[in-house]
Structures are given as structure tokens and as C-alpha cells.
Amino acid sequence: MESSKNKPEEVEKTQKENPSKEKQKDPISQIDAMEMLLKLSPKIPFFSIMTKDEIKQIISEVKIITYKNKEILFQEGETTRNYIYYLLKGQLNINKKKQVDAKSSIRIARIDKPALFGEMMRLTGEPRSATVEAGEPNTLVLAFKIRDFKEQTSISKFYKNVIIELSDKIVQMNKKLY
């Protein structure tokens, strides 16, 4: 059952191994992912008060990925792909395993663009708390990794913004639940 779960990663490898062939097929791959991130940075809460140079200092990797409908971005319990994601186009389904039957899951949320997601694993080091799948065809996501720096002004600004954004998310979730 290795089907579509790994396809985005496989496409990424193909693009690296034979970039000219892939870039001709997909106009989105011609867009530099870092340039896209820098252009969107004022709209992404984590980056909103950072300069472009500061953002470049803390980002170790960035890529643009297109997902098919129902294709898995990451699985609940996963600890490998340590990306933070920004939804550029489409919708996402957030699914959680049922406690009684761990093989089946239930949709707990739906995310519309633009949205930042997947940040908790990077911040806490804990496994992914839910499965995220594309909710429609051609869902477009910007995926990026943050460098591990202990003492840096840029990273401090980033984490300050993360704390503010997460606090806001928690407040909004509590309003919906209660």
C-alpha cells in the first residue's frame, strides 16, 4: 500500500535528478520556492515581522508540492518529514484515528487557503497529532524546514511569532469546542 503517500517525495527526487525534463512539464516548478516564500512572508504570521534576509537565515529547505485529491501530506504519529507547511491553493482534511478502532479515522477539521499547518511537530518534537490529506485536486503547498539555531535574533523573532500564532489557534479552538 505504498501508493500515493510517497508520490510527492518521488516527484521531488525526479525533479532533482532530471530538472530540465520536469520543469518543462510543470510551470509551477519553474517558480523558485524560496522566492515564493519571501513574497508571501508578510502574509504568513510566523514571518510577518522578519526581514527577507532573516527568513533566509533560518530556512534550511523550501519546496512547492502539488497533491492529488485524498493524497496524504503526512500521517498521524509520523516523526520523519520535519516540514512546516503553508497552503497556497486548495483545501486540506485533518483526520484523527478513532480511539476504539485505530485503523479508521474521522475528519476533525477542514483547512482552506491560506493557512500555516504542521508546525507543532517542529516545535515540540512530538509525533504528528493528526493525518493531513488534500481535500481537492491540485492542492498546492509550500513546505519548509527551519534550521536548528540556539542563539540567533532571527530565530527568536520566528519563535515569538510562533507562540503568538499558536496561542491564537488555541483560543479559536476553545471557542469552537465550548
Foldseek 3Di string as FASTA:
>chain_A
DPPQQCVQVVVVVVCVVPVVVVCVVDVVQVDDLLVVCQVCQCVDLLRNVPHSVLVVVWWPDKDKTWAAAFHWPDAFQDQPDQKKKFWDQAKKWWWAADPVGNVDIDTPDMDGPGDIDDCPCNVPVGGHHTIMGTHHGGTMMMITDTDDDDDDPSVVSSVVSVVVVVVVVVVVVVVVVD
